[in-house]
Amino acid sequence: MDHAIESERLTKCFGRHAAVDKVELRVPTGSVYGFLGQNGAGKTTTIRLILGLLRPTGGSVRVLGHDVAADRLLASAGVGSLSRRLRITTG
């Protein structure tokens, strides 16, 4: 089966803190996936690793068969993403 996203032991540490720890992910082509979890669980960091916006501390991630660390432009050629932070202030 072809996978749109594959990760092997994907890890990202910030100092001594592991934000993402050895994630194994297989998303079949044509599937829709979502990330659910508590604040600080590593959801945003994982997505940034998949998009090539962060470099992994360990492991690897492939998008559409292309290694993101080796060739981010080729891996992201078929990917669209939108990310924004919402800040709500009162007063």
N, C-alpha and C. Protein backbone atom coordinates (compact mmCIF):
# COMPACT_ATOMS: atom_id res chain seq x y z
N MET A 1 0.83 -1.18 0.00
CA MET A 1 0.00 0.00 0.00
C MET A 1 0.88 1.25 0.00
N ASP A 2 0.51 2.24 -0.80
CA ASP A 2 1.24 3.51 -0.83
C ASP A 2 0.82 4.37 0.35
N HIS A 3 1.79 5.09 0.85
CA HIS A 3 1.52 5.98 1.99
C HIS A 3 1.81 7.42 1.60
N ALA A 4 0.91 8.31 1.96
CA ALA A 4 1.13 9.73 1.74
C ALA A 4 2.16 10.25 2.73
N ILE A 5 2.11 9.75 3.96
CA ILE A 5 3.05 10.14 5.01
C ILE A 5 3.53 8.88 5.72
N GLU A 6 4.84 8.81 5.93
CA GLU A 6 5.44 7.72 6.70
C GLU A 6 6.52 8.30 7.61
N SER A 7 6.49 7.91 8.86
CA SER A 7 7.58 8.30 9.75
C SER A 7 8.11 7.06 10.44
N GLU A 8 9.41 7.11 10.71
CA GLU A 8 10.09 6.02 11.42
C GLU A 8 10.87 6.61 12.58
N ARG A 9 10.47 6.24 13.79
CA ARG A 9 11.16 6.67 15.00
C ARG A 9 11.39 8.18 15.02
N LEU A 10 10.41 8.93 14.54
CA LEU A 10 10.51 10.39 14.45
C LEU A 10 10.59 10.99 15.85
N THR A 11 11.64 11.75 16.07
CA THR A 11 11.92 12.31 17.39
C THR A 11 12.34 13.77 17.25
N LYS A 12 11.86 14.60 18.18
CA LYS A 12 12.31 15.99 18.25
C LYS A 12 12.47 16.36 19.71
N CYS A 13 13.67 16.78 20.05
CA CYS A 13 13.96 17.21 21.41
C CYS A 13 14.28 18.70 21.41
N PHE A 14 13.81 19.36 22.43
CA PHE A 14 14.17 20.74 22.70
C PHE A 14 14.93 20.70 24.01
N GLY A 15 16.24 20.80 23.92
CA GLY A 15 17.06 20.60 25.11
C GLY A 15 16.92 19.16 25.58
N ARG A 16 16.57 18.97 26.84
CA ARG A 16 16.42 17.62 27.38
C ARG A 16 14.98 17.11 27.28
N HIS A 17 14.08 17.95 26.77
CA HIS A 17 12.66 17.61 26.67
C HIS A 17 12.34 17.02 25.29
N ALA A 18 11.81 15.80 25.26
CA ALA A 18 11.39 15.17 24.01
C ALA A 18 9.94 15.57 23.72
N ALA A 19 9.75 16.44 22.73
CA ALA A 19 8.41 16.88 22.36
C ALA A 19 7.72 15.81 21.53
N VAL A 20 8.49 15.10 20.71
CA VAL A 20 8.02 13.98 19.89
C VAL A 20 9.00 12.86 20.11
N ASP A 21 8.50 11.68 20.46
CA ASP A 21 9.40 10.59 20.87
C ASP A 21 9.12 9.31 20.10
N LYS A 22 9.93 9.05 19.07
CA LYS A 22 9.90 7.81 18.29
C LYS A 22 8.53 7.51 17.68
N VAL A 23 7.95 8.50 17.02
CA VAL A 23 6.63 8.35 16.41
C VAL A 23 6.72 7.51 15.14
N GLU A 24 5.89 6.49 15.06
CA GLU A 24 5.75 5.64 13.87
C GLU A 24 4.37 5.96 13.30
N LEU A 25 4.35 6.53 12.10
CA LEU A 25 3.09 6.97 11.51
C LEU A 25 3.01 6.49 10.07
N ARG A 26 1.87 5.95 9.69
CA ARG A 26 1.61 5.53 8.32
C ARG A 26 0.23 6.05 7.94
N VAL A 27 0.19 6.98 7.01
CA VAL A 27 -1.08 7.53 6.52
C VAL A 27 -1.23 7.09 5.08
N PRO A 28 -2.17 6.17 4.81
CA PRO A 28 -2.36 5.71 3.44
C PRO A 28 -2.81 6.84 2.51
N THR A 29 -2.35 6.79 1.28
CA THR A 29 -2.76 7.76 0.27
C THR A 29 -4.28 7.75 0.16
N GLY A 30 -4.85 8.93 0.12
CA GLY A 30 -6.30 9.08 0.00
C GLY A 30 -7.03 9.11 1.33
N SER A 31 -6.31 8.97 2.42
CA SER A 31 -6.93 8.99 3.75
C SER A 31 -6.98 10.40 4.32
N VAL A 32 -7.85 10.56 5.28
CA VAL A 32 -7.93 11.81 6.03
C VAL A 32 -7.61 11.48 7.49
N TYR A 33 -6.64 12.16 8.05
CA TYR A 33 -6.23 11.93 9.43
C TYR A 33 -6.31 13.22 10.21
N GLY A 34 -6.50 13.11 11.49
CA GLY A 34 -6.49 14.26 12.38
C GLY A 34 -5.62 13.95 13.59
N PHE A 35 -5.12 14.99 14.22
CA PHE A 35 -4.32 14.85 15.43
C PHE A 35 -5.15 15.32 16.61
N LEU A 36 -5.32 14.47 17.58
CA LEU A 36 -6.02 14.81 18.81
C LEU A 36 -5.11 14.55 19.99
N GLY A 37 -5.17 15.40 20.99
CA GLY A 37 -4.38 15.19 22.19
C GLY A 37 -4.37 16.42 23.06
N GLN A 38 -3.82 16.23 24.22
CA GLN A 38 -3.74 17.32 25.19
C GLN A 38 -2.75 18.38 24.74
N ASN A 39 -2.87 19.56 25.34
CA ASN A 39 -1.87 20.60 25.10
C ASN A 39 -0.50 20.05 25.46
N GLY A 40 0.47 20.33 24.63
CA GLY A 40 1.84 19.88 24.90
C GLY A 40 2.12 18.45 24.51
N ALA A 41 1.19 17.80 23.82
CA ALA A 41 1.38 16.39 23.45
C ALA A 41 2.29 16.20 22.24
N GLY A 42 2.61 17.28 21.51
CA GLY A 42 3.51 17.17 20.37
C GLY A 42 2.81 17.21 19.01
N LYS A 43 1.53 17.55 18.98
CA LYS A 43 0.78 17.57 17.71
C LYS A 43 1.37 18.58 16.72
N THR A 44 1.52 19.81 17.16
CA THR A 44 2.05 20.85 16.27
C THR A 44 3.48 20.56 15.87
N THR A 45 4.28 20.09 16.80
CA THR A 45 5.67 19.76 16.48
C THR A 45 5.72 18.65 15.45
N THR A 46 4.88 17.64 15.57
CA THR A 46 4.85 16.56 14.59
C THR A 46 4.48 17.09 13.21
N ILE A 47 3.48 17.94 13.13
CA ILE A 47 3.08 18.51 11.85
C ILE A 47 4.21 19.35 11.26
N ARG A 48 4.88 20.12 12.07
CA ARG A 48 6.01 20.92 11.58
C ARG A 48 7.15 20.04 11.08
N LEU A 49 7.37 18.90 11.72
CA LEU A 49 8.38 17.96 11.24
C LEU A 49 7.96 17.37 9.89
N ILE A 50 6.69 17.02 9.76
CA ILE A 50 6.19 16.46 8.50
C ILE A 50 6.34 17.47 7.36
N LEU A 51 6.07 18.74 7.65
CA LEU A 51 6.15 19.79 6.63
C LEU A 51 7.58 20.26 6.36
N GLY A 52 8.53 19.80 7.18
CA GLY A 52 9.91 20.22 6.99
C GLY A 52 10.22 21.57 7.58
N LEU A 53 9.35 22.07 8.44
CA LEU A 53 9.58 23.36 9.09
C LEU A 53 10.52 23.22 10.28
N LEU A 54 10.65 22.02 10.80
CA LEU A 54 11.61 21.68 11.85
C LEU A 54 12.42 20.47 11.40
N ARG A 55 13.65 20.40 11.83
CA ARG A 55 14.48 19.22 11.56
C ARG A 55 14.36 18.25 12.74
N PRO A 56 14.18 16.97 12.43
CA PRO A 56 14.08 16.00 13.53
C PRO A 56 15.41 15.81 14.25
N THR A 57 15.31 15.51 15.52
CA THR A 57 16.49 15.13 16.30
C THR A 57 16.91 13.71 15.92
N GLY A 58 15.92 12.88 15.60
CA GLY A 58 16.18 11.51 15.20
C GLY A 58 15.05 10.99 14.34
N GLY A 59 15.31 9.89 13.66
CA GLY A 59 14.30 9.28 12.83
C GLY A 59 14.14 9.99 11.50
N SER A 60 13.08 9.64 10.79
CA SER A 60 12.86 10.22 9.47
C SER A 60 11.37 10.32 9.18
N VAL A 61 11.08 11.16 8.19
CA VAL A 61 9.70 11.30 7.71
C VAL A 61 9.73 11.44 6.19
N ARG A 62 8.81 10.74 5.53
CA ARG A 62 8.67 10.82 4.09
C ARG A 62 7.26 11.29 3.75
N VAL A 63 7.17 12.17 2.77
CA VAL A 63 5.89 12.65 2.28
C VAL A 63 5.84 12.32 0.79
N LEU A 64 4.81 11.58 0.39
CA LEU A 64 4.65 11.15 -0.99
C LEU A 64 5.90 10.45 -1.51
N GLY A 65 6.54 9.69 -0.61
CA GLY A 65 7.72 8.90 -0.96
C GLY A 65 9.04 9.64 -0.92
N HIS A 66 9.03 10.92 -0.60
CA HIS A 66 10.25 11.73 -0.59
C HIS A 66 10.66 12.05 0.84
N ASP A 67 11.94 11.85 1.14
CA ASP A 67 12.47 12.15 2.46
C ASP A 67 12.47 13.66 2.67
N VAL A 68 11.80 14.11 3.70
CA VAL A 68 11.63 15.54 3.96
C VAL A 68 12.97 16.20 4.28
N ALA A 69 13.83 15.55 5.05
CA ALA A 69 15.12 16.14 5.43
C ALA A 69 16.05 16.24 4.22
N ALA A 70 15.99 15.26 3.32
CA ALA A 70 16.88 15.24 2.17
C ALA A 70 16.45 16.20 1.08
N ASP A 71 15.14 16.34 0.87
CA ASP A 71 14.65 17.21 -0.20
C ASP A 71 13.29 17.78 0.15
N ARG A 72 13.31 18.80 0.99
CA ARG A 72 12.06 19.40 1.47
C ARG A 72 11.20 19.93 0.34
N LEU A 73 11.79 20.57 -0.67
CA LEU A 73 11.00 21.15 -1.76
C LEU A 73 10.26 20.07 -2.55
N LEU A 74 10.93 18.99 -2.86
CA LEU A 74 10.29 17.90 -3.59
C LEU A 74 9.20 17.24 -2.74
N ALA A 75 9.49 17.04 -1.46
CA ALA A 75 8.53 16.40 -0.56
C ALA A 75 7.29 17.25 -0.37
N SER A 76 7.46 18.56 -0.37
CA SER A 76 6.32 19.44 -0.11
C SER A 76 5.61 19.92 -1.38
N ALA A 77 6.07 19.49 -2.53
CA ALA A 77 5.48 19.95 -3.79
C ALA A 77 4.00 19.63 -3.91
N GLY A 78 3.56 18.50 -3.34
CA GLY A 78 2.16 18.13 -3.42
C GLY A 78 1.38 18.35 -2.16
N VAL A 79 1.90 19.23 -1.28
CA VAL A 79 1.29 19.44 0.03
C VAL A 79 0.81 20.88 0.15
N GLY A 80 -0.37 21.04 0.71
CA GLY A 80 -0.86 22.36 1.05
C GLY A 80 -1.12 22.40 2.54
N SER A 81 -0.79 23.49 3.18
CA SER A 81 -1.05 23.59 4.61
C SER A 81 -1.38 25.03 4.98
N LEU A 82 -2.13 25.15 6.03
CA LEU A 82 -2.49 26.46 6.57
C LEU A 82 -2.38 26.35 8.07
N SER A 83 -1.60 27.21 8.64
CA SER A 83 -1.41 27.19 10.08
C SER A 83 -1.51 28.61 10.59
N ARG A 84 -2.28 28.78 11.63
CA ARG A 84 -2.34 30.10 12.22
C ARG A 84 -2.58 29.97 13.71
N ARG A 85 -2.12 30.95 14.41
CA ARG A 85 -2.34 31.00 15.86
C ARG A 85 -3.47 31.97 16.12
N LEU A 86 -4.31 31.57 16.99
CA LEU A 86 -5.43 32.42 17.37
C LEU A 86 -5.18 32.95 18.78
N ARG A 87 -5.15 34.24 18.90
CA ARG A 87 -4.93 34.85 20.20
C ARG A 87 -6.20 35.62 20.56
N ILE A 88 -6.75 35.29 21.69
CA ILE A 88 -7.95 35.96 22.16
C ILE A 88 -7.59 36.80 23.37
N THR A 89 -7.90 38.06 23.29
CA THR A 89 -7.65 38.94 24.42
C THR A 89 -8.97 39.52 24.90
N THR A 90 -9.02 39.79 26.15
CA THR A 90 -10.22 40.39 26.73
C THR A 90 -9.86 41.75 27.28
N GLY A 91 -10.84 42.58 27.37
CA GLY A 91 -10.60 43.85 28.02
C GLY A 91 -10.80 44.96 27.13
